[in-house]
Amino acid sequence: MTYPTILPPGSTTLEKALEQVAASMLDLPELVRAVWSPHDCPIELLPWLAWGFSVDVWDADWPEATKREAVAGAIASHRLKGTPAAVRTVIDRVDPLITLVEWFDDQDTMEPFTFRLDLPLIADTSIAYDEALIAQLVRDITTVKPVRAHMQLVFRLFAEANAWLVSGTQMGGVIRLDSTADTASALDPSWALFIQTEDGEPIQFDDGQLLEL
């Protein structure tokens, strides 16, 4: 294949030959524009593009569409970083049913510059809140939340009991158990094997069981 020349007419045969060799070596697909596009970047290179865009929250298990959305919104996310909107964005990726409560919305029970996440009842959500998911949620929120703000998680468990009598009357009972991870305690090295808030307080269920890493 002969490539177009940019040499002057008086060039030597050797110069023309070298030009053709160099042109063939540089005849590569023009992928630069695509690589830097969140929508066109090859999926195998998308994590590197996320790093280049300084994406704070990333999960290799996300669907491709979620990954591309995170990269495409990186600049806008950095503009919102340190605001409730940034925290809300992280929460919605996990479960939109999580309620974000700021301290001024519940001044009777919350200290200034704190916020609380009320996780939905087990019966109301299809999300399985296991140790890995909770650890990811705490880590991701810590990355984008205001530095002065401290987080509190509240888990609500739901149980329903039914009993049937001979007459056919149905009796139902509802039990709601609340558990709160208090972030007021100091960091304890003995909790290193358990999921903790950014203040070092281990997170536990209503029965007192700690969530292990």
N, C-alpha and C. Protein backbone atom coordinates (compact mmCIF):
# COMPACT_ATOMS: atom_id res chain seq x y z
N MET A 1 0.84 -1.20 0.00
CA MET A 1 0.00 0.00 0.00
C MET A 1 0.88 1.24 0.00
N THR A 2 0.54 2.17 -0.88
CA THR A 2 1.29 3.42 -0.97
C THR A 2 0.51 4.52 -0.24
N TYR A 3 1.20 5.19 0.66
CA TYR A 3 0.58 6.24 1.45
C TYR A 3 0.85 7.60 0.80
N PRO A 4 -0.05 8.55 0.98
CA PRO A 4 0.18 9.90 0.43
C PRO A 4 1.47 10.49 1.00
N THR A 5 2.19 11.19 0.16
CA THR A 5 3.46 11.76 0.60
C THR A 5 3.30 13.23 0.98
N ILE A 6 4.14 13.65 1.91
CA ILE A 6 4.18 15.06 2.27
C ILE A 6 5.57 15.64 2.00
N LEU A 7 6.40 14.84 1.33
CA LEU A 7 7.76 15.28 1.02
C LEU A 7 7.76 16.16 -0.23
N PRO A 8 8.74 17.03 -0.36
CA PRO A 8 8.87 17.86 -1.57
C PRO A 8 9.27 17.01 -2.78
N PRO A 9 9.01 17.50 -3.97
CA PRO A 9 9.29 16.72 -5.19
C PRO A 9 10.76 16.30 -5.31
N GLY A 10 11.67 17.08 -4.77
CA GLY A 10 13.09 16.77 -4.93
C GLY A 10 13.63 15.76 -3.94
N SER A 11 12.79 15.09 -3.16
CA SER A 11 13.26 14.13 -2.15
C SER A 11 13.92 12.94 -2.82
N THR A 12 14.85 12.36 -2.10
CA THR A 12 15.58 11.20 -2.63
C THR A 12 14.72 9.95 -2.51
N THR A 13 15.14 8.91 -3.21
CA THR A 13 14.42 7.63 -3.15
C THR A 13 14.43 7.08 -1.72
N LEU A 14 15.56 7.24 -1.02
CA LEU A 14 15.65 6.75 0.35
C LEU A 14 14.67 7.49 1.26
N GLU A 15 14.57 8.80 1.11
CA GLU A 15 13.66 9.58 1.94
C GLU A 15 12.20 9.17 1.70
N LYS A 16 11.89 8.93 0.43
CA LYS A 16 10.52 8.51 0.11
C LYS A 16 10.22 7.13 0.69
N ALA A 17 11.22 6.24 0.63
CA ALA A 17 11.04 4.90 1.18
C ALA A 17 10.86 4.94 2.69
N LEU A 18 11.67 5.76 3.36
CA LEU A 18 11.55 5.89 4.80
C LEU A 18 10.19 6.47 5.20
N GLU A 19 9.70 7.39 4.37
CA GLU A 19 8.39 7.97 4.66
C GLU A 19 7.30 6.91 4.59
N GLN A 20 7.39 6.02 3.59
CA GLN A 20 6.38 4.97 3.46
C GLN A 20 6.45 3.98 4.62
N VAL A 21 7.67 3.65 5.04
CA VAL A 21 7.83 2.74 6.18
C VAL A 21 7.24 3.36 7.45
N ALA A 22 7.56 4.63 7.68
CA ALA A 22 7.04 5.30 8.88
C ALA A 22 5.52 5.40 8.84
N ALA A 23 4.97 5.68 7.66
CA ALA A 23 3.52 5.79 7.53
C ALA A 23 2.83 4.47 7.83
N SER A 24 3.44 3.36 7.38
CA SER A 24 2.84 2.05 7.64
C SER A 24 2.89 1.70 9.13
N MET A 25 3.97 2.12 9.80
CA MET A 25 4.09 1.83 11.24
C MET A 25 3.10 2.64 12.07
N LEU A 26 2.73 3.81 11.57
CA LEU A 26 1.83 4.69 12.30
C LEU A 26 0.38 4.56 11.85
N ASP A 27 0.13 3.62 10.94
CA ASP A 27 -1.23 3.44 10.43
C ASP A 27 -2.05 2.63 11.43
N LEU A 28 -2.42 3.26 12.52
CA LEU A 28 -3.17 2.62 13.59
C LEU A 28 -4.60 3.14 13.61
N PRO A 29 -5.53 2.34 14.11
CA PRO A 29 -6.91 2.84 14.23
C PRO A 29 -6.96 4.09 15.11
N GLU A 30 -7.77 5.03 14.73
CA GLU A 30 -7.88 6.28 15.48
C GLU A 30 -8.84 6.07 16.66
N LEU A 31 -8.28 5.51 17.76
CA LEU A 31 -9.09 5.18 18.93
C LEU A 31 -9.00 6.21 20.04
N VAL A 32 -8.15 7.22 19.85
CA VAL A 32 -7.93 8.16 20.94
C VAL A 32 -9.23 8.84 21.37
N ARG A 33 -9.99 9.30 20.40
CA ARG A 33 -11.25 9.98 20.73
C ARG A 33 -12.22 9.02 21.41
N ALA A 34 -12.28 7.78 20.92
CA ALA A 34 -13.20 6.81 21.51
C ALA A 34 -12.77 6.42 22.91
N VAL A 35 -11.47 6.28 23.14
CA VAL A 35 -10.97 5.86 24.45
C VAL A 35 -11.33 6.88 25.52
N TRP A 36 -11.37 8.14 25.17
CA TRP A 36 -11.68 9.19 26.14
C TRP A 36 -13.16 9.52 26.21
N SER A 37 -13.98 8.71 25.54
CA SER A 37 -15.43 8.93 25.59
C SER A 37 -16.07 7.90 26.51
N PRO A 38 -16.79 8.33 27.54
CA PRO A 38 -17.45 7.37 28.45
C PRO A 38 -18.42 6.44 27.74
N HIS A 39 -18.97 6.90 26.62
CA HIS A 39 -19.98 6.12 25.91
C HIS A 39 -19.38 5.19 24.86
N ASP A 40 -18.20 5.52 24.34
CA ASP A 40 -17.59 4.74 23.25
C ASP A 40 -16.36 3.96 23.67
N CYS A 41 -15.85 4.21 24.86
CA CYS A 41 -14.63 3.54 25.32
C CYS A 41 -14.86 2.03 25.39
N PRO A 42 -13.91 1.22 24.89
CA PRO A 42 -14.04 -0.24 25.03
C PRO A 42 -14.21 -0.62 26.50
N ILE A 43 -15.06 -1.58 26.76
CA ILE A 43 -15.40 -1.93 28.14
C ILE A 43 -14.18 -2.35 28.94
N GLU A 44 -13.20 -3.00 28.29
CA GLU A 44 -12.02 -3.45 29.03
C GLU A 44 -11.13 -2.29 29.45
N LEU A 45 -11.29 -1.13 28.81
CA LEU A 45 -10.49 0.05 29.17
C LEU A 45 -11.26 1.02 30.07
N LEU A 46 -12.51 0.72 30.32
CA LEU A 46 -13.35 1.66 31.07
C LEU A 46 -12.83 1.92 32.49
N PRO A 47 -12.29 0.91 33.22
CA PRO A 47 -11.74 1.23 34.55
C PRO A 47 -10.61 2.24 34.51
N TRP A 48 -9.80 2.19 33.45
CA TRP A 48 -8.70 3.16 33.33
C TRP A 48 -9.24 4.55 33.03
N LEU A 49 -10.31 4.61 32.23
CA LEU A 49 -10.93 5.91 31.97
C LEU A 49 -11.54 6.46 33.25
N ALA A 50 -12.13 5.58 34.06
CA ALA A 50 -12.68 6.02 35.35
C ALA A 50 -11.58 6.59 36.23
N TRP A 51 -10.41 5.94 36.22
CA TRP A 51 -9.27 6.46 36.98
C TRP A 51 -8.84 7.82 36.44
N GLY A 52 -8.82 7.96 35.11
CA GLY A 52 -8.44 9.24 34.51
C GLY A 52 -9.41 10.35 34.84
N PHE A 53 -10.67 10.02 35.03
CA PHE A 53 -11.69 11.01 35.37
C PHE A 53 -11.84 11.17 36.88
N SER A 54 -11.00 10.47 37.66
CA SER A 54 -11.03 10.54 39.13
C SER A 54 -12.39 10.15 39.69
N VAL A 55 -12.94 9.06 39.18
CA VAL A 55 -14.20 8.56 39.72
C VAL A 55 -13.95 8.03 41.13
N ASP A 56 -14.67 8.55 42.11
CA ASP A 56 -14.44 8.19 43.51
C ASP A 56 -15.05 6.85 43.89
N VAL A 57 -16.21 6.56 43.34
CA VAL A 57 -16.94 5.34 43.71
C VAL A 57 -17.01 4.43 42.49
N TRP A 58 -16.45 3.23 42.60
CA TRP A 58 -16.38 2.30 41.47
C TRP A 58 -16.51 0.88 41.98
N ASP A 59 -17.27 0.08 41.25
CA ASP A 59 -17.45 -1.33 41.62
C ASP A 59 -17.34 -2.16 40.34
N ALA A 60 -16.42 -3.09 40.33
CA ALA A 60 -16.21 -3.93 39.15
C ALA A 60 -17.43 -4.79 38.83
N ASP A 61 -18.31 -4.99 39.79
CA ASP A 61 -19.50 -5.82 39.58
C ASP A 61 -20.68 -5.03 39.03
N TRP A 62 -20.54 -3.72 38.88
CA TRP A 62 -21.63 -2.93 38.31
C TRP A 62 -21.94 -3.38 36.89
N PRO A 63 -23.18 -3.23 36.43
CA PRO A 63 -23.48 -3.43 35.01
C PRO A 63 -22.73 -2.40 34.16
N GLU A 64 -22.53 -2.72 32.90
CA GLU A 64 -21.79 -1.81 32.02
C GLU A 64 -22.44 -0.44 31.96
N ALA A 65 -23.76 -0.39 31.90
CA ALA A 65 -24.45 0.90 31.80
C ALA A 65 -24.18 1.76 33.04
N THR A 66 -24.13 1.15 34.21
CA THR A 66 -23.86 1.90 35.44
C THR A 66 -22.43 2.43 35.45
N LYS A 67 -21.49 1.63 34.97
CA LYS A 67 -20.10 2.07 34.91
C LYS A 67 -19.95 3.28 33.99
N ARG A 68 -20.57 3.19 32.81
CA ARG A 68 -20.47 4.31 31.86
C ARG A 68 -21.14 5.56 32.42
N GLU A 69 -22.24 5.37 33.12
CA GLU A 69 -22.93 6.51 33.74
C GLU A 69 -22.05 7.17 34.80
N ALA A 70 -21.33 6.35 35.58
CA ALA A 70 -20.46 6.89 36.62
C ALA A 70 -19.33 7.72 36.01
N VAL A 71 -18.76 7.23 34.91
CA VAL A 71 -17.67 7.97 34.26
C VAL A 71 -18.21 9.24 33.62
N ALA A 72 -19.35 9.13 32.94
CA ALA A 72 -19.92 10.30 32.27
C ALA A 72 -20.29 11.39 33.26
N GLY A 73 -20.68 11.00 34.47
CA GLY A 73 -21.08 11.99 35.46
C GLY A 73 -19.99 12.38 36.43
N ALA A 74 -18.73 12.00 36.14
CA ALA A 74 -17.64 12.24 37.09
C ALA A 74 -17.43 13.73 37.37
N ILE A 75 -17.43 14.54 36.33
CA ILE A 75 -17.18 15.97 36.52
C ILE A 75 -18.31 16.60 37.34
N ALA A 76 -19.54 16.26 36.99
CA ALA A 76 -20.68 16.78 37.76
C ALA A 76 -20.64 16.28 39.20
N SER A 77 -20.19 15.04 39.41
CA SER A 77 -20.10 14.49 40.77
C SER A 77 -19.09 15.25 41.60
N HIS A 78 -17.97 15.62 41.00
CA HIS A 78 -16.95 16.36 41.74
C HIS A 78 -17.44 17.76 42.11
N ARG A 79 -18.30 18.32 41.29
CA ARG A 79 -18.87 19.62 41.63
C ARG A 79 -19.81 19.52 42.83
N LEU A 80 -20.40 18.33 43.02
CA LEU A 80 -21.34 18.13 44.13
C LEU A 80 -20.70 17.47 45.33
N LYS A 81 -19.45 17.06 45.21
CA LYS A 81 -18.80 16.31 46.29
C LYS A 81 -18.81 17.12 47.58
N GLY A 82 -19.13 16.43 48.67
CA GLY A 82 -19.22 17.10 49.95
C GLY A 82 -20.58 17.71 50.23
N THR A 83 -21.58 17.31 49.44
CA THR A 83 -22.94 17.83 49.62
C THR A 83 -23.91 16.66 49.83
N PRO A 84 -25.10 16.94 50.37
CA PRO A 84 -26.10 15.87 50.50
C PRO A 84 -26.47 15.23 49.16
N ALA A 85 -26.40 16.02 48.08
CA ALA A 85 -26.73 15.47 46.76
C ALA A 85 -25.76 14.36 46.37
N ALA A 86 -24.48 14.53 46.71
CA ALA A 86 -23.50 13.49 46.40
C ALA A 86 -23.78 12.22 47.19
N VAL A 87 -24.15 12.39 48.46
CA VAL A 87 -24.50 11.23 49.29
C VAL A 87 -25.73 10.54 48.73
N ARG A 88 -26.71 11.31 48.30
CA ARG A 88 -27.94 10.75 47.75
C ARG A 88 -27.66 9.95 46.48
N THR A 89 -26.73 10.42 45.66
CA THR A 89 -26.38 9.70 44.44
C THR A 89 -25.80 8.34 44.76
N VAL A 90 -24.91 8.29 45.74
CA VAL A 90 -24.31 7.01 46.16
C VAL A 90 -25.38 6.08 46.71
N ILE A 91 -26.28 6.62 47.52
CA ILE A 91 -27.34 5.80 48.12
C ILE A 91 -28.23 5.20 47.04
N ASP A 92 -28.59 6.01 46.05
CA ASP A 92 -29.52 5.54 45.01
C ASP A 92 -28.93 4.41 44.19
N ARG A 93 -27.60 4.35 44.08
CA ARG A 93 -26.99 3.24 43.36
C ARG A 93 -27.18 1.92 44.10
N VAL A 94 -27.32 2.00 45.40
CA VAL A 94 -27.51 0.79 46.21
C VAL A 94 -28.99 0.47 46.37
N ASP A 95 -29.76 1.44 46.87
CA ASP A 95 -31.19 1.22 47.10
C ASP A 95 -31.87 2.57 47.26
N PRO A 96 -32.69 2.98 46.29
CA PRO A 96 -33.38 4.27 46.38
C PRO A 96 -34.33 4.36 47.57
N LEU A 97 -34.65 3.23 48.20
CA LEU A 97 -35.58 3.25 49.34
C LEU A 97 -34.91 3.67 50.64
N ILE A 98 -33.60 3.80 50.65
CA ILE A 98 -32.90 4.27 51.84
C ILE A 98 -33.25 5.74 52.09
N THR A 99 -33.61 6.06 53.31
CA THR A 99 -33.98 7.43 53.67
C THR A 99 -32.78 8.15 54.27
N LEU A 100 -32.49 9.33 53.75
CA LEU A 100 -31.41 10.17 54.26
C LEU A 100 -32.00 11.23 55.17
N VAL A 101 -31.63 11.21 56.44
CA VAL A 101 -32.15 12.16 57.43
C VAL A 101 -30.99 12.99 57.96
N GLU A 102 -31.05 14.31 57.78
CA GLU A 102 -30.01 15.20 58.29
C GLU A 102 -30.38 15.69 59.69
N TRP A 103 -29.37 16.15 60.39
CA TRP A 103 -29.54 16.47 61.81
C TRP A 103 -30.60 17.54 62.06
N PHE A 104 -30.73 18.50 61.15
CA PHE A 104 -31.70 19.56 61.37
C PHE A 104 -33.13 19.09 61.11
N ASP A 105 -33.28 17.88 60.53
CA ASP A 105 -34.61 17.30 60.36
C ASP A 105 -35.05 16.49 61.58
N ASP A 106 -34.12 16.20 62.46
CA ASP A 106 -34.44 15.41 63.67
C ASP A 106 -33.54 15.90 64.80
N GLN A 107 -33.72 17.15 65.20
CA GLN A 107 -32.85 17.76 66.19
C GLN A 107 -33.04 17.18 67.59
N ASP A 108 -34.13 16.48 67.82
CA ASP A 108 -34.36 15.91 69.15
C ASP A 108 -33.43 14.73 69.44
N THR A 109 -33.03 14.02 68.42
CA THR A 109 -32.23 12.81 68.64
C THR A 109 -30.86 12.85 67.99
N MET A 110 -30.59 13.87 67.17
CA MET A 110 -29.33 13.89 66.41
C MET A 110 -28.49 15.11 66.78
N GLU A 111 -27.19 14.90 66.78
CA GLU A 111 -26.25 15.98 67.05
C GLU A 111 -26.03 16.80 65.77
N PRO A 112 -25.62 18.07 65.91
CA PRO A 112 -25.33 18.88 64.73
C PRO A 112 -24.26 18.23 63.85
N PHE A 113 -24.42 18.43 62.56
CA PHE A 113 -23.48 17.94 61.55
C PHE A 113 -23.39 16.41 61.53
N THR A 114 -24.51 15.78 61.78
CA THR A 114 -24.61 14.33 61.61
C THR A 114 -25.75 14.05 60.65
N PHE A 115 -25.74 12.87 60.09
CA PHE A 115 -26.86 12.45 59.26
C PHE A 115 -27.08 10.96 59.47
N ARG A 116 -28.29 10.53 59.18
CA ARG A 116 -28.68 9.15 59.44
C ARG A 116 -29.22 8.51 58.17
N LEU A 117 -28.89 7.25 58.00
CA LEU A 117 -29.46 6.46 56.91
C LEU A 117 -30.43 5.45 57.51
N ASP A 118 -31.69 5.58 57.16
CA ASP A 118 -32.69 4.61 57.59
C ASP A 118 -32.88 3.60 56.47
N LEU A 119 -32.34 2.40 56.68
CA LEU A 119 -32.51 1.37 55.68
C LEU A 119 -33.94 0.87 55.69
N PRO A 120 -34.48 0.51 54.52
CA PRO A 120 -35.88 0.10 54.46
C PRO A 120 -36.12 -1.23 55.16
N LEU A 121 -37.37 -1.48 55.49
CA LEU A 121 -37.74 -2.76 56.07
C LEU A 121 -37.40 -3.88 55.10
N ILE A 122 -37.02 -5.00 55.64
CA ILE A 122 -36.66 -6.14 54.81
C ILE A 122 -37.80 -6.51 53.87
N ALA A 123 -39.03 -6.37 54.35
CA ALA A 123 -40.19 -6.74 53.54
C ALA A 123 -40.44 -5.75 52.40
N ASP A 124 -39.85 -4.57 52.47
CA ASP A 124 -40.13 -3.52 51.48
C ASP A 124 -39.09 -3.42 50.38
N THR A 125 -38.01 -4.15 50.46
CA THR A 125 -36.94 -4.02 49.48
C THR A 125 -36.47 -5.39 49.02
N SER A 126 -35.97 -5.42 47.80
CA SER A 126 -35.42 -6.67 47.26
C SER A 126 -33.91 -6.75 47.46
N ILE A 127 -33.33 -5.72 48.07
CA ILE A 127 -31.88 -5.69 48.28
C ILE A 127 -31.53 -6.50 49.51
N ALA A 128 -30.55 -7.37 49.38
CA ALA A 128 -30.07 -8.17 50.51
C ALA A 128 -28.92 -7.43 51.18
N TYR A 129 -29.16 -6.91 52.37
CA TYR A 129 -28.14 -6.13 53.07
C TYR A 129 -27.22 -7.06 53.86
N ASP A 130 -26.22 -7.59 53.16
CA ASP A 130 -25.24 -8.44 53.83
C ASP A 130 -24.03 -7.60 54.23
N GLU A 131 -23.04 -8.25 54.81
CA GLU A 131 -21.86 -7.53 55.31
C GLU A 131 -21.12 -6.79 54.20
N ALA A 132 -20.99 -7.45 53.04
CA ALA A 132 -20.25 -6.84 51.93
C ALA A 132 -20.93 -5.58 51.43
N LEU A 133 -22.25 -5.63 51.28
CA LEU A 133 -22.98 -4.48 50.77
C LEU A 133 -22.93 -3.31 51.75
N ILE A 134 -23.08 -3.60 53.03
CA ILE A 134 -23.03 -2.53 54.03
C ILE A 134 -21.65 -1.90 54.09
N ALA A 135 -20.61 -2.74 54.01
CA ALA A 135 -19.25 -2.21 54.01
C ALA A 135 -19.02 -1.31 52.80
N GLN A 136 -19.53 -1.72 51.64
CA GLN A 136 -19.40 -0.91 50.44
C GLN A 136 -20.15 0.41 50.59
N LEU A 137 -21.35 0.35 51.16
CA LEU A 137 -22.15 1.57 51.34
C LEU A 137 -21.44 2.55 52.26
N VAL A 138 -20.91 2.06 53.38
CA VAL A 138 -20.19 2.93 54.31
C VAL A 138 -18.96 3.53 53.65
N ARG A 139 -18.21 2.71 52.93
CA ARG A 139 -16.99 3.18 52.28
C ARG A 139 -17.29 4.24 51.22
N ASP A 140 -18.30 3.98 50.39
CA ASP A 140 -18.61 4.91 49.30
C ASP A 140 -19.15 6.24 49.83
N ILE A 141 -19.98 6.19 50.85
CA ILE A 141 -20.52 7.43 51.42
C ILE A 141 -19.42 8.23 52.09
N THR A 142 -18.51 7.55 52.77
CA THR A 142 -17.39 8.25 53.42
C THR A 142 -16.55 9.00 52.40
N THR A 143 -16.50 8.49 51.18
CA THR A 143 -15.70 9.12 50.12
C THR A 143 -16.29 10.44 49.66
N VAL A 144 -17.62 10.57 49.66
CA VAL A 144 -18.26 11.75 49.07
C VAL A 144 -18.94 12.66 50.07
N LYS A 145 -19.10 12.24 51.31
CA LYS A 145 -19.84 13.05 52.29
C LYS A 145 -19.02 14.27 52.72
N PRO A 146 -19.67 15.28 53.31
CA PRO A 146 -18.91 16.39 53.90
C PRO A 146 -17.97 15.88 54.98
N VAL A 147 -16.77 16.42 55.04
CA VAL A 147 -15.76 15.93 55.98
C VAL A 147 -16.23 16.08 57.42
N ARG A 148 -16.94 17.16 57.72
CA ARG A 148 -17.34 17.41 59.11
C ARG A 148 -18.56 16.58 59.52
N ALA A 149 -19.23 15.97 58.56
CA ALA A 149 -20.46 15.24 58.86
C ALA A 149 -20.15 13.80 59.27
N HIS A 150 -20.87 13.31 60.26
CA HIS A 150 -20.69 11.94 60.74
C HIS A 150 -21.98 11.15 60.48
N MET A 151 -21.79 9.90 60.15
CA MET A 151 -22.89 9.08 59.66
C MET A 151 -23.37 8.09 60.70
N GLN A 152 -24.66 7.80 60.64
CA GLN A 152 -25.27 6.81 61.51
C GLN A 152 -26.18 5.93 60.65
N LEU A 153 -26.10 4.62 60.88
CA LEU A 153 -26.94 3.68 60.14
C LEU A 153 -28.00 3.10 61.07
N VAL A 154 -29.20 3.00 60.56
CA VAL A 154 -30.29 2.39 61.33
C VAL A 154 -30.89 1.26 60.50
N PHE A 155 -30.89 0.07 61.08
CA PHE A 155 -31.46 -1.09 60.42
C PHE A 155 -32.83 -1.37 61.03
N ARG A 156 -33.79 -1.69 60.19
CA ARG A 156 -35.11 -2.07 60.67
C ARG A 156 -35.43 -3.46 60.13
N LEU A 157 -35.66 -4.37 61.06
CA LEU A 157 -36.03 -5.73 60.69
C LEU A 157 -37.54 -5.87 60.80
N PHE A 158 -38.11 -6.70 59.96
CA PHE A 158 -39.56 -6.86 59.90
C PHE A 158 -39.90 -8.33 60.03
N ALA A 159 -40.82 -8.64 60.91
CA ALA A 159 -41.27 -10.02 61.06
C ALA A 159 -42.77 -10.03 61.22
N GLU A 160 -43.41 -11.01 60.65
CA GLU A 160 -44.86 -11.11 60.74
C GLU A 160 -45.23 -12.53 61.16
N ALA A 161 -46.13 -12.64 62.13
CA ALA A 161 -46.56 -13.95 62.60
C ALA A 161 -48.05 -14.09 62.38
N ASN A 162 -48.46 -15.22 61.84
CA ASN A 162 -49.87 -15.48 61.58
C ASN A 162 -50.31 -16.72 62.36
N ALA A 163 -51.53 -16.71 62.86
CA ALA A 163 -52.08 -17.88 63.54
C ALA A 163 -53.51 -18.06 63.08
N TRP A 164 -53.88 -19.29 62.81
CA TRP A 164 -55.22 -19.58 62.33
C TRP A 164 -56.01 -20.35 63.40
N LEU A 165 -57.22 -19.92 63.68
CA LEU A 165 -58.09 -20.60 64.63
C LEU A 165 -59.02 -21.55 63.88
N VAL A 166 -59.67 -22.42 64.64
CA VAL A 166 -60.57 -23.38 64.01
C VAL A 166 -61.70 -22.67 63.29
N SER A 167 -62.12 -21.54 63.82
CA SER A 167 -63.23 -20.81 63.21
C SER A 167 -62.84 -20.10 61.93
N GLY A 168 -61.56 -20.08 61.63
CA GLY A 168 -61.11 -19.44 60.41
C GLY A 168 -60.67 -18.01 60.61
N THR A 169 -60.74 -17.51 61.81
CA THR A 169 -60.29 -16.14 62.08
C THR A 169 -58.77 -16.08 62.02
N GLN A 170 -58.25 -15.07 61.36
CA GLN A 170 -56.81 -14.91 61.23
C GLN A 170 -56.31 -13.85 62.19
N MET A 171 -55.23 -14.17 62.86
CA MET A 171 -54.61 -13.21 63.78
C MET A 171 -53.22 -12.90 63.26
N GLY A 172 -52.90 -11.66 63.21
CA GLY A 172 -51.58 -11.27 62.71
C GLY A 172 -50.88 -10.38 63.69
N GLY A 173 -49.60 -10.49 63.69
CA GLY A 173 -48.80 -9.63 64.55
C GLY A 173 -47.60 -9.10 63.80
N VAL A 174 -47.23 -7.90 64.07
CA VAL A 174 -46.09 -7.28 63.40
C VAL A 174 -45.09 -6.85 64.46
N ILE A 175 -43.85 -7.22 64.26
CA ILE A 175 -42.79 -6.86 65.20
C ILE A 175 -41.73 -6.09 64.43
N ARG A 176 -41.41 -4.92 64.87
CA ARG A 176 -40.34 -4.13 64.25
C ARG A 176 -39.23 -3.95 65.26
N LEU A 177 -38.05 -4.33 64.84
CA LEU A 177 -36.89 -4.24 65.71
C LEU A 177 -35.91 -3.24 65.11
N ASP A 178 -35.56 -2.23 65.85
CA ASP A 178 -34.63 -1.22 65.37
C ASP A 178 -33.27 -1.43 65.99
N SER A 179 -32.26 -1.20 65.18
CA SER A 179 -30.89 -1.27 65.69
C SER A 179 -30.12 -0.08 65.15
N THR A 180 -29.42 0.60 66.00
CA THR A 180 -28.68 1.79 65.61
C THR A 180 -27.20 1.59 65.89
N ALA A 181 -26.37 1.93 64.90
CA ALA A 181 -24.93 1.92 65.11
C ALA A 181 -24.52 3.29 65.59
N ASP A 182 -24.18 3.41 66.85
CA ASP A 182 -23.80 4.69 67.45
C ASP A 182 -22.37 5.02 67.07
N THR A 183 -22.17 6.20 66.52
CA THR A 183 -20.83 6.58 66.08
C THR A 183 -20.11 7.45 67.08
N ALA A 184 -20.59 7.49 68.33
CA ALA A 184 -19.98 8.38 69.32
C ALA A 184 -18.75 7.78 69.99
N SER A 185 -18.60 6.47 69.91
CA SER A 185 -17.49 5.83 70.62
C SER A 185 -16.18 6.05 69.89
N ALA A 186 -15.10 5.94 70.66
CA ALA A 186 -13.77 6.11 70.08
C ALA A 186 -13.36 4.84 69.36
N LEU A 187 -12.34 4.96 68.52
CA LEU A 187 -11.83 3.83 67.75
C LEU A 187 -11.23 2.78 68.68
N ASP A 188 -11.63 1.54 68.47
CA ASP A 188 -11.13 0.43 69.28
C ASP A 188 -10.44 -0.55 68.35
N PRO A 189 -9.12 -0.78 68.50
CA PRO A 189 -8.40 -1.69 67.60
C PRO A 189 -8.96 -3.10 67.59
N SER A 190 -9.64 -3.51 68.65
CA SER A 190 -10.17 -4.87 68.70
C SER A 190 -11.30 -5.07 67.71
N TRP A 191 -11.80 -3.98 67.12
CA TRP A 191 -12.89 -4.08 66.17
C TRP A 191 -12.40 -4.13 64.72
N ALA A 192 -11.13 -4.33 64.52
CA ALA A 192 -10.55 -4.26 63.19
C ALA A 192 -11.14 -5.29 62.23
N LEU A 193 -11.66 -6.37 62.76
CA LEU A 193 -12.19 -7.43 61.91
C LEU A 193 -13.67 -7.23 61.59
N PHE A 194 -14.24 -6.12 62.05
CA PHE A 194 -15.66 -5.90 61.84
C PHE A 194 -15.89 -4.63 61.02
N ILE A 195 -17.03 -4.58 60.35
CA ILE A 195 -17.40 -3.40 59.58
C ILE A 195 -17.67 -2.25 60.54
N GLN A 196 -17.09 -1.09 60.23
CA GLN A 196 -17.20 0.06 61.11
C GLN A 196 -17.63 1.29 60.33
N THR A 197 -18.17 2.25 61.04
CA THR A 197 -18.40 3.56 60.46
C THR A 197 -17.07 4.29 60.38
N GLU A 198 -17.09 5.52 59.82
CA GLU A 198 -15.83 6.24 59.69
C GLU A 198 -15.26 6.65 61.04
N ASP A 199 -16.08 6.60 62.09
CA ASP A 199 -15.60 6.92 63.43
C ASP A 199 -15.06 5.70 64.17
N GLY A 200 -15.10 4.53 63.52
CA GLY A 200 -14.57 3.34 64.15
C GLY A 200 -15.56 2.58 65.00
N GLU A 201 -16.85 2.93 64.91
CA GLU A 201 -17.86 2.23 65.68
C GLU A 201 -18.36 1.02 64.90
N PRO A 202 -18.30 -0.20 65.46
CA PRO A 202 -18.76 -1.38 64.72
C PRO A 202 -20.26 -1.33 64.50
N ILE A 203 -20.68 -1.85 63.36
CA ILE A 203 -22.10 -1.88 63.03
C ILE A 203 -22.66 -3.24 63.45
N GLN A 204 -23.80 -3.23 64.08
CA GLN A 204 -24.37 -4.48 64.56
C GLN A 204 -25.87 -4.52 64.31
N PHE A 205 -26.39 -5.74 64.24
CA PHE A 205 -27.82 -5.95 64.09
C PHE A 205 -28.50 -5.83 65.45
N ASP A 206 -29.84 -5.97 65.43
CA ASP A 206 -30.60 -5.79 66.66
C ASP A 206 -30.26 -6.82 67.73
N ASP A 207 -29.79 -8.01 67.31
CA ASP A 207 -29.45 -9.03 68.30
C ASP A 207 -28.05 -8.86 68.87
N GLY A 208 -27.37 -7.78 68.49
CA GLY A 208 -26.04 -7.50 69.02
C GLY A 208 -24.92 -8.11 68.22
N GLN A 209 -25.24 -8.88 67.17
CA GLN A 209 -24.20 -9.52 66.37
C GLN A 209 -23.49 -8.49 65.50
N LEU A 210 -22.15 -8.49 65.55
CA LEU A 210 -21.37 -7.54 64.77
C LEU A 210 -21.24 -8.03 63.34
N LEU A 211 -21.19 -7.09 62.40
CA LEU A 211 -21.03 -7.43 60.99
C LEU A 211 -19.55 -7.60 60.70
N GLU A 212 -19.16 -8.80 60.30
CA GLU A 212 -17.76 -9.08 60.05
C GLU A 212 -17.37 -8.68 58.64
N LEU A 213 -16.07 -8.36 58.46
CA LEU A 213 -15.55 -8.04 57.15
C LEU A 213 -15.47 -9.30 56.30
